[in-house]
Amino acid sequence: MTGLDLTPPEHQHSAVIQQAVQWLLDTPRHERQGAAVPLLKARFGLSTGEAVAAVREFNVRWRAPHERS
């Protein structure tokens, strides 16, 4: 939680970004057509910044279970 009081529009944007992150996690790379940012913009209606945020979150979440201590 960020501690921010999200109004409905901000919360909706956050939810769409999380849907995009989950889609990236669920969809193998070889099944995605093209680069992630343009694909997320087209598929989820994200802005460039939102798509980049989704890719960053995907990278954090994907790497965590794959890293060795």
PDB file of N, CA and C in Angstrom:
ATOM      1  N   MET A   1       0.833  -1.174   0.000  1.00  0.00           N
ATOM      2  CA  MET A   1       0.000   0.000   0.000  1.00  0.00           C
ATOM      3  C   MET A   1       0.879   1.239   0.000  1.00  0.00           C
ATOM      4  N   THR A   2       0.498   2.218  -0.714  1.00  0.00           N
ATOM      5  CA  THR A   2       1.292   3.433  -0.817  1.00  0.00           C
ATOM      6  C   THR A   2       0.955   4.437   0.262  1.00  0.00           C
ATOM      7  N   GLY A   3      -0.129   4.266   0.955  1.00  0.00           N
ATOM      8  CA  GLY A   3      -0.551   5.227   1.947  1.00  0.00           C
ATOM      9  C   GLY A   3      -1.314   6.396   1.347  1.00  0.00           C
ATOM     10  N   LEU A   4      -1.494   6.395   0.039  1.00  0.00           N
ATOM     11  CA  LEU A   4      -2.226   7.461  -0.627  1.00  0.00           C
ATOM     12  C   LEU A   4      -3.717   7.161  -0.597  1.00  0.00           C
ATOM     13  N   ASP A   5      -4.497   8.204  -0.480  1.00  0.00           N
ATOM     14  CA  ASP A   5      -5.944   8.059  -0.565  1.00  0.00           C
ATOM     15  C   ASP A   5      -6.322   8.140  -2.039  1.00  0.00           C
ATOM     16  N   LEU A   6      -6.509   7.000  -2.662  1.00  0.00           N
ATOM     17  CA  LEU A   6      -6.777   6.969  -4.097  1.00  0.00           C
ATOM     18  C   LEU A   6      -8.245   7.245  -4.377  1.00  0.00           C
ATOM     19  N   THR A   7      -8.479   8.203  -5.225  1.00  0.00           N
ATOM     20  CA  THR A   7      -9.838   8.444  -5.689  1.00  0.00           C
ATOM     21  C   THR A   7     -10.142   7.402  -6.758  1.00  0.00           C
ATOM     22  N   PRO A   8     -11.390   7.196  -7.097  1.00  0.00           N
ATOM     23  CA  PRO A   8     -11.733   6.147  -8.060  1.00  0.00           C
ATOM     24  C   PRO A   8     -10.936   6.162  -9.368  1.00  0.00           C
ATOM     25  N   PRO A   9     -10.711   7.301 -10.033  1.00  0.00           N
ATOM     26  CA  PRO A   9      -9.939   7.236 -11.281  1.00  0.00           C
ATOM     27  C   PRO A   9      -8.520   6.709 -11.089  1.00  0.00           C
ATOM     28  N   GLU A  10      -7.837   7.143 -10.009  1.00  0.00           N
ATOM     29  CA  GLU A  10      -6.486   6.648  -9.763  1.00  0.00           C
ATOM     30  C   GLU A  10      -6.508   5.161  -9.439  1.00  0.00           C
ATOM     31  N   HIS A  11      -7.507   4.753  -8.683  1.00  0.00           N
ATOM     32  CA  HIS A  11      -7.618   3.344  -8.337  1.00  0.00           C
ATOM     33  C   HIS A  11      -7.872   2.502  -9.589  1.00  0.00           C
ATOM     34  N   GLN A  12      -8.697   3.007 -10.496  1.00  0.00           N
ATOM     35  CA  GLN A  12      -8.966   2.279 -11.736  1.00  0.00           C
ATOM     36  C   GLN A  12      -7.692   2.142 -12.557  1.00  0.00           C
ATOM     37  N   HIS A  13      -6.889   3.210 -12.641  1.00  0.00           N
ATOM     38  CA  HIS A  13      -5.630   3.129 -13.379  1.00  0.00           C
ATOM     39  C   HIS A  13      -4.718   2.092 -12.743  1.00  0.00           C
ATOM     40  N   SER A  14      -4.644   2.102 -11.423  1.00  0.00           N
ATOM     41  CA  SER A  14      -3.817   1.140 -10.714  1.00  0.00           C
ATOM     42  C   SER A  14      -4.290  -0.287 -10.990  1.00  0.00           C
ATOM     43  N   ALA A  15      -5.592  -0.498 -11.007  1.00  0.00           N
ATOM     44  CA  ALA A  15      -6.143  -1.830 -11.263  1.00  0.00           C
ATOM     45  C   ALA A  15      -5.809  -2.298 -12.670  1.00  0.00           C
ATOM     46  N   VAL A  16      -5.868  -1.412 -13.643  1.00  0.00           N
ATOM     47  CA  VAL A  16      -5.542  -1.786 -15.024  1.00  0.00           C
ATOM     48  C   VAL A  16      -4.061  -2.128 -15.136  1.00  0.00           C
ATOM     49  N   ILE A  17      -3.219  -1.367 -14.463  1.00  0.00           N
ATOM     50  CA  ILE A  17      -1.783  -1.666 -14.479  1.00  0.00           C
ATOM     51  C   ILE A  17      -1.543  -3.039 -13.867  1.00  0.00           C
ATOM     52  N   GLN A  18      -2.212  -3.347 -12.766  1.00  0.00           N
ATOM     53  CA  GLN A  18      -2.050  -4.658 -12.140  1.00  0.00           C
ATOM     54  C   GLN A  18      -2.563  -5.780 -13.044  1.00  0.00           C
ATOM     55  N   GLN A  19      -3.629  -5.516 -13.794  1.00  0.00           N
ATOM     56  CA  GLN A  19      -4.109  -6.509 -14.766  1.00  0.00           C
ATOM     57  C   GLN A  19      -3.053  -6.739 -15.839  1.00  0.00           C
ATOM     58  N   ALA A  20      -2.415  -5.668 -16.281  1.00  0.00           N
ATOM     59  CA  ALA A  20      -1.366  -5.788 -17.293  1.00  0.00           C
ATOM     60  C   ALA A  20      -0.179  -6.576 -16.749  1.00  0.00           C
ATOM     61  N   VAL A  21       0.200  -6.308 -15.508  1.00  0.00           N
ATOM     62  CA  VAL A  21       1.296  -7.050 -14.876  1.00  0.00           C
ATOM     63  C   VAL A  21       0.943  -8.532 -14.804  1.00  0.00           C
ATOM     64  N   GLN A  22      -0.268  -8.832 -14.362  1.00  0.00           N
ATOM     65  CA  GLN A  22      -0.677 -10.229 -14.251  1.00  0.00           C
ATOM     66  C   GLN A  22      -0.686 -10.904 -15.616  1.00  0.00           C
ATOM     67  N   TRP A  23      -1.114 -10.180 -16.639  1.00  0.00           N
ATOM     68  CA  TRP A  23      -1.119 -10.741 -17.988  1.00  0.00           C
ATOM     69  C   TRP A  23       0.310 -11.066 -18.425  1.00  0.00           C
ATOM     70  N   LEU A  24       1.245 -10.164 -18.138  1.00  0.00           N
ATOM     71  CA  LEU A  24       2.647 -10.434 -18.469  1.00  0.00           C
ATOM     72  C   LEU A  24       3.151 -11.669 -17.727  1.00  0.00           C
ATOM     73  N   LEU A  25       2.785 -11.804 -16.467  1.00  0.00           N
ATOM     74  CA  LEU A  25       3.211 -12.963 -15.686  1.00  0.00           C
ATOM     75  C   LEU A  25       2.600 -14.261 -16.212  1.00  0.00           C
ATOM     76  N   ASP A  26       1.364 -14.189 -16.681  1.00  0.00           N
ATOM     77  CA  ASP A  26       0.639 -15.384 -17.125  1.00  0.00           C
ATOM     78  C   ASP A  26       0.921 -15.781 -18.570  1.00  0.00           C
ATOM     79  N   THR A  27       1.424 -14.850 -19.374  1.00  0.00           N
ATOM     80  CA  THR A  27       1.597 -15.095 -20.804  1.00  0.00           C
ATOM     81  C   THR A  27       3.074 -15.291 -21.129  1.00  0.00           C
ATOM     82  N   PRO A  28       3.459 -16.486 -21.560  1.00  0.00           N
ATOM     83  CA  PRO A  28       4.866 -16.710 -21.904  1.00  0.00           C
ATOM     84  C   PRO A  28       5.340 -15.745 -22.994  1.00  0.00           C
ATOM     85  N   ARG A  29       6.593 -15.372 -22.923  1.00  0.00           N
ATOM     86  CA  ARG A  29       7.162 -14.399 -23.866  1.00  0.00           C
ATOM     87  C   ARG A  29       6.936 -14.818 -25.317  1.00  0.00           C
ATOM     88  N   HIS A  30       7.083 -16.087 -25.612  1.00  0.00           N
ATOM     89  CA  HIS A  30       6.943 -16.534 -27.003  1.00  0.00           C
ATOM     90  C   HIS A  30       5.500 -16.420 -27.518  1.00  0.00           C
ATOM     91  N   GLU A  31       4.541 -16.230 -26.612  1.00  0.00           N
ATOM     92  CA  GLU A  31       3.144 -16.063 -27.023  1.00  0.00           C
ATOM     93  C   GLU A  31       2.747 -14.600 -27.186  1.00  0.00           C
ATOM     94  N   ARG A  32       3.606 -13.689 -26.766  1.00  0.00           N
ATOM     95  CA  ARG A  32       3.334 -12.253 -26.914  1.00  0.00           C
ATOM     96  C   ARG A  32       3.853 -11.792 -28.262  1.00  0.00           C
ATOM     97  N   GLN A  33       3.104 -10.954 -28.924  1.00  0.00           N
ATOM     98  CA  GLN A  33       3.480 -10.461 -30.249  1.00  0.00           C
ATOM     99  C   GLN A  33       4.045  -9.054 -30.139  1.00  0.00           C
ATOM    100  N   GLY A  34       5.360  -8.919 -30.172  1.00  0.00           N
ATOM    101  CA  GLY A  34       5.976  -7.600 -30.174  1.00  0.00           C
ATOM    102  C   GLY A  34       6.515  -7.175 -28.823  1.00  0.00           C
ATOM    103  N   ALA A  35       6.978  -5.927 -28.799  1.00  0.00           N
ATOM    104  CA  ALA A  35       7.557  -5.349 -27.592  1.00  0.00           C
ATOM    105  C   ALA A  35       6.473  -5.099 -26.546  1.00  0.00           C
ATOM    106  N   ALA A  36       6.860  -5.187 -25.288  1.00  0.00           N
ATOM    107  CA  ALA A  36       5.895  -5.124 -24.191  1.00  0.00           C
ATOM    108  C   ALA A  36       5.155  -3.792 -24.099  1.00  0.00           C
ATOM    109  N   VAL A  37       5.864  -2.668 -24.181  1.00  0.00           N
ATOM    110  CA  VAL A  37       5.207  -1.370 -23.969  1.00  0.00           C
ATOM    111  C   VAL A  37       4.135  -1.102 -25.026  1.00  0.00           C
ATOM    112  N   PRO A  38       4.443  -1.194 -26.323  1.00  0.00           N
ATOM    113  CA  PRO A  38       3.370  -0.966 -27.304  1.00  0.00           C
ATOM    114  C   PRO A  38       2.234  -1.987 -27.177  1.00  0.00           C
ATOM    115  N   LEU A  39       2.582  -3.201 -26.838  1.00  0.00           N
ATOM    116  CA  LEU A  39       1.570  -4.245 -26.679  1.00  0.00           C
ATOM    117  C   LEU A  39       0.623  -3.923 -25.523  1.00  0.00           C
ATOM    118  N   LEU A  40       1.174  -3.497 -24.394  1.00  0.00           N
ATOM    119  CA  LEU A  40       0.334  -3.147 -23.242  1.00  0.00           C
ATOM    120  C   LEU A  40      -0.506  -1.911 -23.517  1.00  0.00           C
ATOM    121  N   LYS A  41       0.059  -0.955 -24.235  1.00  0.00           N
ATOM    122  CA  LYS A  41      -0.707   0.243 -24.593  1.00  0.00           C
ATOM    123  C   LYS A  41      -1.923  -0.139 -25.428  1.00  0.00           C
ATOM    124  N   ALA A  42      -1.718  -1.012 -26.401  1.00  0.00           N
ATOM    125  CA  ALA A  42      -2.815  -1.416 -27.287  1.00  0.00           C
ATOM    126  C   ALA A  42      -3.814  -2.326 -26.573  1.00  0.00           C
ATOM    127  N   ARG A  43      -3.311  -3.270 -25.810  1.00  0.00           N
ATOM    128  CA  ARG A  43      -4.177  -4.280 -25.198  1.00  0.00           C
ATOM    129  C   ARG A  43      -4.980  -3.744 -24.008  1.00  0.00           C
ATOM    130  N   PHE A  44      -4.363  -2.862 -23.210  1.00  0.00           N
ATOM    131  CA  PHE A  44      -5.001  -2.397 -21.980  1.00  0.00           C
ATOM    132  C   PHE A  44      -5.331  -0.913 -21.992  1.00  0.00           C
ATOM    133  N   GLY A  45      -4.998  -0.210 -23.066  1.00  0.00           N
ATOM    134  CA  GLY A  45      -5.290   1.218 -23.147  1.00  0.00           C
ATOM    135  C   GLY A  45      -4.442   2.065 -22.213  1.00  0.00           C
ATOM    136  N   LEU A  46      -3.240   1.594 -21.908  1.00  0.00           N
ATOM    137  CA  LEU A  46      -2.356   2.311 -20.997  1.00  0.00           C
ATOM    138  C   LEU A  46      -1.611   3.425 -21.718  1.00  0.00           C
ATOM    139  N   SER A  47      -1.217   4.437 -20.960  1.00  0.00           N
ATOM    140  CA  SER A  47      -0.304   5.446 -21.492  1.00  0.00           C
ATOM    141  C   SER A  47       1.095   4.824 -21.524  1.00  0.00           C
ATOM    142  N   THR A  48       2.029   5.513 -22.149  1.00  0.00           N
ATOM    143  CA  THR A  48       3.404   5.007 -22.182  1.00  0.00           C
ATOM    144  C   THR A  48       3.945   4.851 -20.765  1.00  0.00           C
ATOM    145  N   GLY A  49       3.736   5.851 -19.932  1.00  0.00           N
ATOM    146  CA  GLY A  49       4.217   5.787 -18.550  1.00  0.00           C
ATOM    147  C   GLY A  49       3.604   4.641 -17.764  1.00  0.00           C
ATOM    148  N   GLU A  50       2.325   4.412 -17.960  1.00  0.00           N
ATOM    149  CA  GLU A  50       1.646   3.310 -17.273  1.00  0.00           C
ATOM    150  C   GLU A  50       2.168   1.962 -17.764  1.00  0.00           C
ATOM    151  N   ALA A  51       2.399   1.849 -19.063  1.00  0.00           N
ATOM    152  CA  ALA A  51       2.928   0.601 -19.613  1.00  0.00           C
ATOM    153  C   ALA A  51       4.331   0.329 -19.080  1.00  0.00           C
ATOM    154  N   VAL A  52       5.147   1.371 -19.000  1.00  0.00           N
ATOM    155  CA  VAL A  52       6.499   1.221 -18.445  1.00  0.00           C
ATOM    156  C   VAL A  52       6.411   0.805 -16.975  1.00  0.00           C
ATOM    157  N   ALA A  53       5.498   1.401 -16.225  1.00  0.00           N
ATOM    158  CA  ALA A  53       5.310   1.026 -14.818  1.00  0.00           C
ATOM    159  C   ALA A  53       4.902  -0.441 -14.697  1.00  0.00           C
ATOM    160  N   ALA A  54       4.050  -0.903 -15.592  1.00  0.00           N
ATOM    161  CA  ALA A  54       3.628  -2.308 -15.577  1.00  0.00           C
ATOM    162  C   ALA A  54       4.806  -3.230 -15.866  1.00  0.00           C
ATOM    163  N   VAL A  55       5.642  -2.865 -16.822  1.00  0.00           N
ATOM    164  CA  VAL A  55       6.820  -3.681 -17.147  1.00  0.00           C
ATOM    165  C   VAL A  55       7.785  -3.708 -15.964  1.00  0.00           C
ATOM    166  N   ARG A  56       7.986  -2.570 -15.328  1.00  0.00           N
ATOM    167  CA  ARG A  56       8.863  -2.528 -14.148  1.00  0.00           C
ATOM    168  C   ARG A  56       8.334  -3.438 -13.044  1.00  0.00           C
ATOM    169  N   GLU A  57       7.051  -3.351 -12.773  1.00  0.00           N
ATOM    170  CA  GLU A  57       6.443  -4.194 -11.740  1.00  0.00           C
ATOM    171  C   GLU A  57       6.549  -5.668 -12.123  1.00  0.00           C
ATOM    172  N   PHE A  58       6.323  -5.976 -13.384  1.00  0.00           N
ATOM    173  CA  PHE A  58       6.479  -7.351 -13.862  1.00  0.00           C
ATOM    174  C   PHE A  58       7.893  -7.846 -13.584  1.00  0.00           C
ATOM    175  N   ASN A  59       8.900  -7.028 -13.925  1.00  0.00           N
ATOM    176  CA  ASN A  59      10.293  -7.427 -13.715  1.00  0.00           C
ATOM    177  C   ASN A  59      10.585  -7.702 -12.247  1.00  0.00           C
ATOM    178  N   VAL A  60      10.080  -6.867 -11.360  1.00  0.00           N
ATOM    179  CA  VAL A  60      10.289  -7.067  -9.925  1.00  0.00           C
ATOM    180  C   VAL A  60       9.628  -8.366  -9.476  1.00  0.00           C
ATOM    181  N   ARG A  61       8.387  -8.564  -9.877  1.00  0.00           N
ATOM    182  CA  ARG A  61       7.648  -9.751  -9.435  1.00  0.00           C
ATOM    183  C   ARG A  61       8.170 -11.025 -10.074  1.00  0.00           C
ATOM    184  N   TRP A  62       8.636 -10.958 -11.320  1.00  0.00           N
ATOM    185  CA  TRP A  62       9.137 -12.146 -11.999  1.00  0.00           C
ATOM    186  C   TRP A  62      10.497 -12.551 -11.453  1.00  0.00           C
ATOM    187  N   ARG A  63      11.341 -11.567 -11.183  1.00  0.00           N
ATOM    188  CA  ARG A  63      12.703 -11.868 -10.730  1.00  0.00           C
ATOM    189  C   ARG A  63      12.752 -12.396  -9.309  1.00  0.00           C
ATOM    190  N   ALA A  64      11.870 -11.934  -8.449  1.00  0.00           N
ATOM    191  CA  ALA A  64      11.924 -12.313  -7.032  1.00  0.00           C
ATOM    192  C   ALA A  64      11.979 -13.830  -6.823  1.00  0.00           C
ATOM    193  N   PRO A  65      11.085 -14.620  -7.401  1.00  0.00           N
ATOM    194  CA  PRO A  65      11.165 -16.068  -7.167  1.00  0.00           C
ATOM    195  C   PRO A  65      12.296 -16.747  -7.938  1.00  0.00           C
ATOM    196  N   HIS A  66      12.895 -16.049  -8.903  1.00  0.00           N
ATOM    197  CA  HIS A  66      13.942 -16.646  -9.722  1.00  0.00           C
ATOM    198  C   HIS A  66      15.350 -16.320  -9.231  1.00  0.00           C
ATOM    199  N   GLU A  67      15.466 -15.432  -8.250  1.00  0.00           N
ATOM    200  CA  GLU A  67      16.781 -15.063  -7.727  1.00  0.00           C
ATOM    201  C   GLU A  67      17.207 -16.051  -6.658  1.00  0.00           C
ATOM    202  N   ARG A  68      18.503 -16.261  -6.609  1.00  0.00           N
ATOM    203  CA  ARG A  68      19.065 -17.127  -5.570  1.00  0.00           C
ATOM    204  C   ARG A  68      19.757 -16.248  -4.539  1.00  0.00           C
ATOM    205  N   SER A  69      19.628 -16.615  -3.299  1.00  0.00           N
ATOM    206  CA  SER A  69      20.251 -15.820  -2.219  1.00  0.00           C
ATOM    207  C   SER A  69      21.731 -16.077  -2.141  1.00  0.00           C
TER     208      SER A  69
END
